[in-house]
mmCIF file of all heavy atoms, coordinates in Angstrom:
data_MODEL
# 
_entry.id   MODEL 
# 
loop_
_atom_site.group_PDB 
_atom_site.id 
_atom_site.type_symbol 
_atom_site.label_atom_id 
_atom_site.label_alt_id 
_atom_site.label_comp_id 
_atom_site.label_asym_id 
_atom_site.label_entity_id 
_atom_site.label_seq_id 
_atom_site.pdbx_PDB_ins_code 
_atom_site.Cartn_x 
_atom_site.Cartn_y 
_atom_site.Cartn_z 
_atom_site.occupancy 
_atom_site.B_iso_or_equiv 
_atom_site.pdbx_formal_charge 
_atom_site.auth_seq_id 
_atom_site.auth_comp_id 
_atom_site.auth_asym_id 
_atom_site.auth_atom_id 
_atom_site.pdbx_PDB_model_num 
ATOM 1   N N   . GLY A 1 1  ? -15.621 22.316 8.722  1.00 0.00 ? 1  GLY A N   1 
ATOM 2   C CA  . GLY A 1 1  ? -15.211 23.703 8.520  1.00 0.00 ? 1  GLY A CA  1 
ATOM 3   C C   . GLY A 1 1  ? -16.088 24.684 9.257  1.00 0.00 ? 1  GLY A C   1 
ATOM 4   O O   . GLY A 1 1  ? -16.916 24.301 10.090 1.00 0.00 ? 1  GLY A O   1 
ATOM 5   N N   . ILE A 1 2  ? -15.933 25.956 8.916  1.00 0.00 ? 2  ILE A N   1 
ATOM 6   C CA  . ILE A 1 2  ? -16.642 27.030 9.604  1.00 0.00 ? 2  ILE A CA  1 
ATOM 7   C C   . ILE A 1 2  ? -17.144 28.038 8.568  1.00 0.00 ? 2  ILE A C   1 
ATOM 8   O O   . ILE A 1 2  ? -16.413 28.417 7.646  1.00 0.00 ? 2  ILE A O   1 
ATOM 9   C CB  . ILE A 1 2  ? -15.721 27.741 10.622 1.00 0.00 ? 2  ILE A CB  1 
ATOM 10  C CG1 . ILE A 1 2  ? -15.225 26.737 11.675 1.00 0.00 ? 2  ILE A CG1 1 
ATOM 11  C CG2 . ILE A 1 2  ? -16.460 28.897 11.304 1.00 0.00 ? 2  ILE A CG2 1 
ATOM 12  C CD1 . ILE A 1 2  ? -14.167 27.302 12.610 1.00 0.00 ? 2  ILE A CD1 1 
ATOM 13  N N   . ILE A 1 3  ? -18.397 28.478 8.733  1.00 0.00 ? 3  ILE A N   1 
ATOM 14  C CA  . ILE A 1 3  ? -19.011 29.471 7.857  1.00 0.00 ? 3  ILE A CA  1 
ATOM 15  C C   . ILE A 1 3  ? -19.025 30.814 8.584  1.00 0.00 ? 3  ILE A C   1 
ATOM 16  O O   . ILE A 1 3  ? -19.397 30.903 9.754  1.00 0.00 ? 3  ILE A O   1 
ATOM 17  C CB  . ILE A 1 3  ? -20.445 29.050 7.474  1.00 0.00 ? 3  ILE A CB  1 
ATOM 18  C CG1 . ILE A 1 3  ? -20.408 27.732 6.682  1.00 0.00 ? 3  ILE A CG1 1 
ATOM 19  C CG2 . ILE A 1 3  ? -21.125 30.147 6.656  1.00 0.00 ? 3  ILE A CG2 1 
ATOM 20  C CD1 . ILE A 1 3  ? -21.762 27.055 6.553  1.00 0.00 ? 3  ILE A CD1 1 
ATOM 21  N N   . VAL A 1 4  ? -18.623 31.864 7.858  1.00 0.00 ? 4  VAL A N   1 
ATOM 22  C CA  . VAL A 1 4  ? -18.453 33.193 8.437  1.00 0.00 ? 4  VAL A CA  1 
ATOM 23  C C   . VAL A 1 4  ? -19.325 34.194 7.684  1.00 0.00 ? 4  VAL A C   1 
ATOM 24  O O   . VAL A 1 4  ? -19.524 34.067 6.476  1.00 0.00 ? 4  VAL A O   1 
ATOM 25  C CB  . VAL A 1 4  ? -16.963 33.618 8.346  1.00 0.00 ? 4  VAL A CB  1 
ATOM 26  C CG1 . VAL A 1 4  ? -16.770 35.051 8.799  1.00 0.00 ? 4  VAL A CG1 1 
ATOM 27  C CG2 . VAL A 1 4  ? -16.093 32.677 9.176  1.00 0.00 ? 4  VAL A CG2 1 
ATOM 28  N N   . GLU A 1 5  ? -19.858 35.178 8.393  1.00 0.00 ? 5  GLU A N   1 
ATOM 29  C CA  . GLU A 1 5  ? -20.652 36.218 7.746  1.00 0.00 ? 5  GLU A CA  1 
ATOM 30  C C   . GLU A 1 5  ? -19.812 36.953 6.700  1.00 0.00 ? 5  GLU A C   1 
ATOM 31  O O   . GLU A 1 5  ? -18.648 37.289 6.944  1.00 0.00 ? 5  GLU A O   1 
ATOM 32  C CB  . GLU A 1 5  ? -21.190 37.213 8.767  1.00 0.00 ? 5  GLU A CB  1 
ATOM 33  C CG  . GLU A 1 5  ? -22.318 36.663 9.629  1.00 0.00 ? 5  GLU A CG  1 
ATOM 34  C CD  . GLU A 1 5  ? -23.538 36.223 8.822  1.00 0.00 ? 5  GLU A CD  1 
ATOM 35  O OE1 . GLU A 1 5  ? -23.859 36.901 7.814  1.00 0.00 ? 5  GLU A OE1 1 
ATOM 36  O OE2 . GLU A 1 5  ? -24.145 35.197 9.188  1.00 0.00 ? 5  GLU A OE2 1 
ATOM 37  N N   . LYS A 1 6  ? -20.426 37.215 5.566  1.00 0.00 ? 6  LYS A N   1 
ATOM 38  C CA  . LYS A 1 6  ? -19.742 37.840 4.435  1.00 0.00 ? 6  LYS A CA  1 
ATOM 39  C C   . LYS A 1 6  ? -19.131 39.185 4.826  1.00 0.00 ? 6  LYS A C   1 
ATOM 40  O O   . LYS A 1 6  ? -19.799 40.044 5.412  1.00 0.00 ? 6  LYS A O   1 
ATOM 41  C CB  . LYS A 1 6  ? -20.740 38.024 3.295  1.00 0.00 ? 6  LYS A CB  1 
ATOM 42  C CG  . LYS A 1 6  ? -20.137 38.338 1.948  1.00 0.00 ? 6  LYS A CG  1 
ATOM 43  C CD  . LYS A 1 6  ? -21.194 38.689 0.920  1.00 0.00 ? 6  LYS A CD  1 
ATOM 44  C CE  . LYS A 1 6  ? -22.236 37.619 0.747  1.00 0.00 ? 6  LYS A CE  1 
ATOM 45  N NZ  . LYS A 1 6  ? -23.197 37.945 -0.345 1.00 0.00 ? 6  LYS A NZ  1 
ATOM 46  N N   . GLY A 1 7  ? -17.855 39.355 4.530  1.00 0.00 ? 7  GLY A N   1 
ATOM 47  C CA  . GLY A 1 7  ? -17.175 40.625 4.744  1.00 0.00 ? 7  GLY A CA  1 
ATOM 48  C C   . GLY A 1 7  ? -16.613 40.839 6.134  1.00 0.00 ? 7  GLY A C   1 
ATOM 49  O O   . GLY A 1 7  ? -15.990 41.866 6.391  1.00 0.00 ? 7  GLY A O   1 
ATOM 50  N N   . ASN A 1 8  ? -16.789 39.874 7.028  1.00 0.00 ? 8  ASN A N   1 
ATOM 51  C CA  . ASN A 1 8  ? -16.314 40.027 8.407  1.00 0.00 ? 8  ASN A CA  1 
ATOM 52  C C   . ASN A 1 8  ? -14.933 39.377 8.546  1.00 0.00 ? 8  ASN A C   1 
ATOM 53  O O   . ASN A 1 8  ? -14.816 38.189 8.850  1.00 0.00 ? 8  ASN A O   1 
ATOM 54  C CB  . ASN A 1 8  ? -17.316 39.406 9.381  1.00 0.00 ? 8  ASN A CB  1 
ATOM 55  C CG  . ASN A 1 8  ? -17.057 39.826 10.824 1.00 0.00 ? 8  ASN A CG  1 
ATOM 56  O OD1 . ASN A 1 8  ? -15.908 39.986 11.247 1.00 0.00 ? 8  ASN A OD1 1 
ATOM 57  N ND2 . ASN A 1 8  ? -18.134 40.007 11.580 1.00 0.00 ? 8  ASN A ND2 1 
ATOM 58  N N   . VAL A 1 9  ? -13.888 40.149 8.315  1.00 0.00 ? 9  VAL A N   1 
ATOM 59  C CA  . VAL A 1 9  ? -12.523 39.626 8.359  1.00 0.00 ? 9  VAL A CA  1 
ATOM 60  C C   . VAL A 1 9  ? -12.132 39.211 9.773  1.00 0.00 ? 9  VAL A C   1 
ATOM 61  O O   . VAL A 1 9  ? -11.373 38.253 9.960  1.00 0.00 ? 9  VAL A O   1 
ATOM 62  C CB  . VAL A 1 9  ? -11.531 40.675 7.801  1.00 0.00 ? 9  VAL A CB  1 
ATOM 63  C CG1 . VAL A 1 9  ? -10.094 40.173 7.895  1.00 0.00 ? 9  VAL A CG1 1 
ATOM 64  C CG2 . VAL A 1 9  ? -11.862 40.992 6.345  1.00 0.00 ? 9  VAL A CG2 1 
ATOM 65  N N   . GLU A 1 10 ? -12.678 39.892 10.758 1.00 0.00 ? 10 GLU A N   1 
ATOM 66  C CA  . GLU A 1 10 ? -12.385 39.536 12.151 1.00 0.00 ? 10 GLU A CA  1 
ATOM 67  C C   . GLU A 1 10 ? -12.896 38.130 12.464 1.00 0.00 ? 10 GLU A C   1 
ATOM 68  O O   . GLU A 1 10 ? -12.195 37.318 13.080 1.00 0.00 ? 10 GLU A O   1 
ATOM 69  C CB  . GLU A 1 10 ? -13.035 40.557 13.098 1.00 0.00 ? 10 GLU A CB  1 
ATOM 70  C CG  . GLU A 1 10 ? -12.645 40.369 14.556 1.00 0.00 ? 10 GLU A CG  1 
ATOM 71  C CD  . GLU A 1 10 ? -13.228 41.440 15.462 1.00 0.00 ? 10 GLU A CD  1 
ATOM 72  O OE1 . GLU A 1 10 ? -13.464 42.573 14.979 1.00 0.00 ? 10 GLU A OE1 1 
ATOM 73  O OE2 . GLU A 1 10 ? -13.456 41.155 16.654 1.00 0.00 ? 10 GLU A OE2 1 
ATOM 74  N N   . GLN A 1 11 ? -14.127 37.832 12.019 1.00 0.00 ? 11 GLN A N   1 
ATOM 75  C CA  . GLN A 1 11 ? -14.672 36.480 12.185 1.00 0.00 ? 11 GLN A CA  1 
ATOM 76  C C   . GLN A 1 11 ? -13.864 35.470 11.373 1.00 0.00 ? 11 GLN A C   1 
ATOM 77  O O   . GLN A 1 11 ? -13.658 34.329 11.812 1.00 0.00 ? 11 GLN A O   1 
ATOM 78  C CB  . GLN A 1 11 ? -16.137 36.436 11.735 1.00 0.00 ? 11 GLN A CB  1 
ATOM 79  C CG  . GLN A 1 11 ? -17.135 36.979 12.738 1.00 0.00 ? 11 GLN A CG  1 
ATOM 80  C CD  . GLN A 1 11 ? -18.570 36.710 12.319 1.00 0.00 ? 11 GLN A CD  1 
ATOM 81  O OE1 . GLN A 1 11 ? -18.841 35.888 11.447 1.00 0.00 ? 11 GLN A OE1 1 
ATOM 82  N NE2 . GLN A 1 11 ? -19.496 37.418 12.948 1.00 0.00 ? 11 GLN A NE2 1 
ATOM 83  N N   . LEU A 1 12 ? -13.437 35.878 10.203 1.00 0.00 ? 12 LEU A N   1 
ATOM 84  C CA  . LEU A 1 12 ? -12.640 35.006 9.338  1.00 0.00 ? 12 LEU A CA  1 
ATOM 85  C C   . LEU A 1 12 ? -11.355 34.596 10.053 1.00 0.00 ? 12 LEU A C   1 
ATOM 86  O O   . LEU A 1 12 ? -10.997 33.408 10.096 1.00 0.00 ? 12 LEU A O   1 
ATOM 87  C CB  . LEU A 1 12 ? -12.319 35.744 8.038  1.00 0.00 ? 12 LEU A CB  1 
ATOM 88  C CG  . LEU A 1 12 ? -11.825 34.925 6.841  1.00 0.00 ? 12 LEU A CG  1 
ATOM 89  C CD1 . LEU A 1 12 ? -12.927 34.030 6.303  1.00 0.00 ? 12 LEU A CD1 1 
ATOM 90  C CD2 . LEU A 1 12 ? -11.336 35.862 5.730  1.00 0.00 ? 12 LEU A CD2 1 
ATOM 91  N N   . LEU A 1 13 ? -10.689 35.569 10.634 1.00 0.00 ? 13 LEU A N   1 
ATOM 92  C CA  . LEU A 1 13 ? -9.452  35.309 11.367 1.00 0.00 ? 13 LEU A CA  1 
ATOM 93  C C   . LEU A 1 13 ? -9.711  34.424 12.582 1.00 0.00 ? 13 LEU A C   1 
ATOM 94  O O   . LEU A 1 13 ? -8.937  33.488 12.856 1.00 0.00 ? 13 LEU A O   1 
ATOM 95  C CB  . LEU A 1 13 ? -8.816  36.630 11.797 1.00 0.00 ? 13 LEU A CB  1 
ATOM 96  C CG  . LEU A 1 13 ? -7.452  36.550 12.487 1.00 0.00 ? 13 LEU A CG  1 
ATOM 97  C CD1 . LEU A 1 13 ? -6.410  35.980 11.529 1.00 0.00 ? 13 LEU A CD1 1 
ATOM 98  C CD2 . LEU A 1 13 ? -7.021  37.938 12.960 1.00 0.00 ? 13 LEU A CD2 1 
ATOM 99  N N   . HIS A 1 14 ? -10.806 34.672 13.281 1.00 0.00 ? 14 HIS A N   1 
ATOM 100 C CA  . HIS A 1 14 ? -11.151 33.865 14.464 1.00 0.00 ? 14 HIS A CA  1 
ATOM 101 C C   . HIS A 1 14 ? -11.420 32.411 14.061 1.00 0.00 ? 14 HIS A C   1 
ATOM 102 O O   . HIS A 1 14 ? -11.006 31.471 14.763 1.00 0.00 ? 14 HIS A O   1 
ATOM 103 C CB  . HIS A 1 14 ? -12.382 34.458 15.154 1.00 0.00 ? 14 HIS A CB  1 
ATOM 104 C CG  . HIS A 1 14 ? -12.777 33.738 16.405 1.00 0.00 ? 14 HIS A CG  1 
ATOM 105 N ND1 . HIS A 1 14 ? -13.746 32.740 16.429 1.00 0.00 ? 14 HIS A ND1 1 
ATOM 106 C CD2 . HIS A 1 14 ? -12.320 33.849 17.690 1.00 0.00 ? 14 HIS A CD2 1 
ATOM 107 C CE1 . HIS A 1 14 ? -13.874 32.280 17.659 1.00 0.00 ? 14 HIS A CE1 1 
ATOM 108 N NE2 . HIS A 1 14 ? -13.026 32.928 18.449 1.00 0.00 ? 14 HIS A NE2 1 
ATOM 109 N N   . ALA A 1 15 ? -12.112 32.218 12.931 1.00 0.00 ? 15 ALA A N   1 
ATOM 110 C CA  . ALA A 1 15 ? -12.404 30.857 12.453 1.00 0.00 ? 15 ALA A CA  1 
ATOM 111 C C   . ALA A 1 15 ? -11.116 30.124 12.101 1.00 0.00 ? 15 ALA A C   1 
ATOM 112 O O   . ALA A 1 15 ? -10.952 28.931 12.409 1.00 0.00 ? 15 ALA A O   1 
ATOM 113 C CB  . ALA A 1 15 ? -13.328 30.923 11.235 1.00 0.00 ? 15 ALA A CB  1 
ATOM 114 N N   . ILE A 1 16 ? -10.186 30.832 11.458 1.00 0.00 ? 16 ILE A N   1 
ATOM 115 C CA  . ILE A 1 16 ? -8.894  30.231 11.108 1.00 0.00 ? 16 ILE A CA  1 
ATOM 116 C C   . ILE A 1 16 ? -8.144  29.811 12.368 1.00 0.00 ? 16 ILE A C   1 
ATOM 117 O O   . ILE A 1 16 ? -7.585  28.709 12.448 1.00 0.00 ? 16 ILE A O   1 
ATOM 118 C CB  . ILE A 1 16 ? -8.057  31.218 10.270 1.00 0.00 ? 16 ILE A CB  1 
ATOM 119 C CG1 . ILE A 1 16 ? -8.703  31.421 8.891  1.00 0.00 ? 16 ILE A CG1 1 
ATOM 120 C CG2 . ILE A 1 16 ? -6.622  30.717 10.105 1.00 0.00 ? 16 ILE A CG2 1 
ATOM 121 C CD1 . ILE A 1 16 ? -8.129  32.578 8.094  1.00 0.00 ? 16 ILE A CD1 1 
ATOM 122 N N   . LYS A 1 17 ? -8.155  30.673 13.374 1.00 0.00 ? 17 LYS A N   1 
ATOM 123 C CA  . LYS A 1 17 ? -7.465  30.363 14.635 1.00 0.00 ? 17 LYS A CA  1 
ATOM 124 C C   . LYS A 1 17 ? -8.127  29.201 15.364 1.00 0.00 ? 17 LYS A C   1 
ATOM 125 O O   . LYS A 1 17 ? -7.449  28.399 16.025 1.00 0.00 ? 17 LYS A O   1 
ATOM 126 C CB  . LYS A 1 17 ? -7.423  31.606 15.518 1.00 0.00 ? 17 LYS A CB  1 
ATOM 127 C CG  . LYS A 1 17 ? -6.442  32.664 15.022 1.00 0.00 ? 17 LYS A CG  1 
ATOM 128 C CD  . LYS A 1 17 ? -6.392  33.875 15.945 1.00 0.00 ? 17 LYS A CD  1 
ATOM 129 C CE  . LYS A 1 17 ? -5.343  34.877 15.473 1.00 0.00 ? 17 LYS A CE  1 
ATOM 130 N NZ  . LYS A 1 17 ? -5.299  36.093 16.333 1.00 0.00 ? 17 LYS A NZ  1 
ATOM 131 N N   . THR A 1 18 ? -9.454  29.088 15.252 1.00 0.00 ? 18 THR A N   1 
ATOM 132 C CA  . THR A 1 18 ? -10.160 27.954 15.855 1.00 0.00 ? 18 THR A CA  1 
ATOM 133 C C   . THR A 1 18 ? -9.678  26.643 15.254 1.00 0.00 ? 18 THR A C   1 
ATOM 134 O O   . THR A 1 18 ? -9.400  25.671 15.968 1.00 0.00 ? 18 THR A O   1 
ATOM 135 C CB  . THR A 1 18 ? -11.682 28.098 15.650 1.00 0.00 ? 18 THR A CB  1 
ATOM 136 O OG1 . THR A 1 18 ? -12.130 29.288 16.307 1.00 0.00 ? 18 THR A OG1 1 
ATOM 137 C CG2 . THR A 1 18 ? -12.427 26.890 16.219 1.00 0.00 ? 18 THR A CG2 1 
ATOM 138 N N   . ILE A 1 19 ? -9.562  26.616 13.935 1.00 0.00 ? 19 ILE A N   1 
ATOM 139 C CA  . ILE A 1 19 ? -9.071  25.412 13.254 1.00 0.00 ? 19 ILE A CA  1 
ATOM 140 C C   . ILE A 1 19 ? -7.609  25.167 13.607 1.00 0.00 ? 19 ILE A C   1 
ATOM 141 O O   . ILE A 1 19 ? -7.187  24.022 13.832 1.00 0.00 ? 19 ILE A O   1 
ATOM 142 C CB  . ILE A 1 19 ? -9.275  25.550 11.732 1.00 0.00 ? 19 ILE A CB  1 
ATOM 143 C CG1 . ILE A 1 19 ? -10.773 25.438 11.405 1.00 0.00 ? 19 ILE A CG1 1 
ATOM 144 C CG2 . ILE A 1 19 ? -8.465  24.491 10.962 1.00 0.00 ? 19 ILE A CG2 1 
ATOM 145 C CD1 . ILE A 1 19 ? -11.134 25.670 9.965  1.00 0.00 ? 19 ILE A CD1 1 
ATOM 146 N N   . GLN A 1 20 ? -6.835  26.229 13.702 1.00 0.00 ? 20 GLN A N   1 
ATOM 147 C CA  . GLN A 1 20 ? -5.425  26.093 14.084 1.00 0.00 ? 20 GLN A CA  1 
ATOM 148 C C   . GLN A 1 20 ? -5.287  25.491 15.479 1.00 0.00 ? 20 GLN A C   1 
ATOM 149 O O   . GLN A 1 20 ? -4.456  24.606 15.713 1.00 0.00 ? 20 GLN A O   1 
ATOM 150 C CB  . GLN A 1 20 ? -4.741  27.455 14.029 1.00 0.00 ? 20 GLN A CB  1 
ATOM 151 C CG  . GLN A 1 20 ? -3.232  27.394 14.304 1.00 0.00 ? 20 GLN A CG  1 
ATOM 152 C CD  . GLN A 1 20 ? -2.558  28.753 14.121 1.00 0.00 ? 20 GLN A CD  1 
ATOM 153 O OE1 . GLN A 1 20 ? -3.234  29.780 14.033 1.00 0.00 ? 20 GLN A OE1 1 
ATOM 154 N NE2 . GLN A 1 20 ? -1.246  28.747 14.032 1.00 0.00 ? 20 GLN A NE2 1 
ATOM 155 N N   . ASN A 1 21 ? -6.124  25.926 16.406 1.00 0.00 ? 21 ASN A N   1 
ATOM 156 C CA  . ASN A 1 21 ? -6.057  25.416 17.783 1.00 0.00 ? 21 ASN A CA  1 
ATOM 157 C C   . ASN A 1 21 ? -6.496  23.958 17.872 1.00 0.00 ? 21 ASN A C   1 
ATOM 158 O O   . ASN A 1 21 ? -5.931  23.179 18.649 1.00 0.00 ? 21 ASN A O   1 
ATOM 159 C CB  . ASN A 1 21 ? -6.922  26.281 18.705 1.00 0.00 ? 21 ASN A CB  1 
ATOM 160 C CG  . ASN A 1 21 ? -6.345  27.673 18.899 1.00 0.00 ? 21 ASN A CG  1 
ATOM 161 O OD1 . ASN A 1 21 ? -5.141  27.883 18.757 1.00 0.00 ? 21 ASN A OD1 1 
ATOM 162 N ND2 . ASN A 1 21 ? -7.204  28.649 19.206 1.00 0.00 ? 21 ASN A ND2 1 
ATOM 163 N N   . ARG A 1 22 ? -7.501  23.602 17.095 1.00 0.00 ? 22 ARG A N   1 
ATOM 164 C CA  . ARG A 1 22 ? -7.970  22.213 17.099 1.00 0.00 ? 22 ARG A CA  1 
ATOM 165 C C   . ARG A 1 22 ? -6.996  21.292 16.352 1.00 0.00 ? 22 ARG A C   1 
ATOM 166 O O   . ARG A 1 22 ? -6.866  20.117 16.700 1.00 0.00 ? 22 ARG A O   1 
ATOM 167 C CB  . ARG A 1 22 ? -9.350  22.123 16.441 1.00 0.00 ? 22 ARG A CB  1 
ATOM 168 C CG  . ARG A 1 22 ? -10.478 22.685 17.287 1.00 0.00 ? 22 ARG A CG  1 
ATOM 169 C CD  . ARG A 1 22 ? -11.793 22.656 16.527 1.00 0.00 ? 22 ARG A CD  1 
ATOM 170 N NE  . ARG A 1 22 ? -12.911 23.092 17.362 1.00 0.00 ? 22 ARG A NE  1 
ATOM 171 C CZ  . ARG A 1 22 ? -14.127 23.339 16.899 1.00 0.00 ? 22 ARG A CZ  1 
ATOM 172 N NH1 . ARG A 1 22 ? -14.396 23.195 15.598 1.00 0.00 ? 22 ARG A NH1 1 
ATOM 173 N NH2 . ARG A 1 22 ? -15.079 23.723 17.720 1.00 0.00 ? 22 ARG A NH2 1 
ATOM 174 N N   . GLY A 1 23 ? -6.354  21.834 15.346 1.00 0.00 ? 23 GLY A N   1 
ATOM 175 C CA  . GLY A 1 23 ? -5.448  21.037 14.522 1.00 0.00 ? 23 GLY A CA  1 
ATOM 176 C C   . GLY A 1 23 ? -6.168  20.444 13.328 1.00 0.00 ? 23 GLY A C   1 
ATOM 177 O O   . GLY A 1 23 ? -7.348  20.065 13.412 1.00 0.00 ? 23 GLY A O   1 
ATOM 178 N N   . LYS A 1 24 ? -5.490  20.375 12.205 1.00 0.00 ? 24 LYS A N   1 
ATOM 179 C CA  . LYS A 1 24 ? -6.092  19.840 10.982 1.00 0.00 ? 24 LYS A CA  1 
ATOM 180 C C   . LYS A 1 24 ? -6.589  18.415 11.178 1.00 0.00 ? 24 LYS A C   1 
ATOM 181 O O   . LYS A 1 24 ? -7.626  18.030 10.631 1.00 0.00 ? 24 LYS A O   1 
ATOM 182 C CB  . LYS A 1 24 ? -5.069  19.893 9.848  1.00 0.00 ? 24 LYS A CB  1 
ATOM 183 C CG  . LYS A 1 24 ? -5.598  19.384 8.506  1.00 0.00 ? 24 LYS A CG  1 
ATOM 184 C CD  . LYS A 1 24 ? -4.538  19.480 7.426  1.00 0.00 ? 24 LYS A CD  1 
ATOM 185 C CE  . LYS A 1 24 ? -5.036  18.925 6.099  1.00 0.00 ? 24 LYS A CE  1 
ATOM 186 N NZ  . LYS A 1 24 ? -4.023  19.043 5.023  1.00 0.00 ? 24 LYS A NZ  1 
ATOM 187 N N   . SER A 1 25 ? -5.872  17.631 11.981 1.00 0.00 ? 25 SER A N   1 
ATOM 188 C CA  . SER A 1 25 ? -6.228  16.219 12.178 1.00 0.00 ? 25 SER A CA  1 
ATOM 189 C C   . SER A 1 25 ? -7.620  16.055 12.781 1.00 0.00 ? 25 SER A C   1 
ATOM 190 O O   . SER A 1 25 ? -8.254  15.008 12.616 1.00 0.00 ? 25 SER A O   1 
ATOM 191 C CB  . SER A 1 25 ? -5.192  15.529 13.062 1.00 0.00 ? 25 SER A CB  1 
ATOM 192 O OG  . SER A 1 25 ? -5.102  16.163 14.324 1.00 0.00 ? 25 SER A OG  1 
# 
């Protein structure tokens, strides 16, 4: 997974997209 600085929604969204691009597998 990925750890994001507290309260940074932009980083949160970027982390989600990183996982989406790599794929759950």
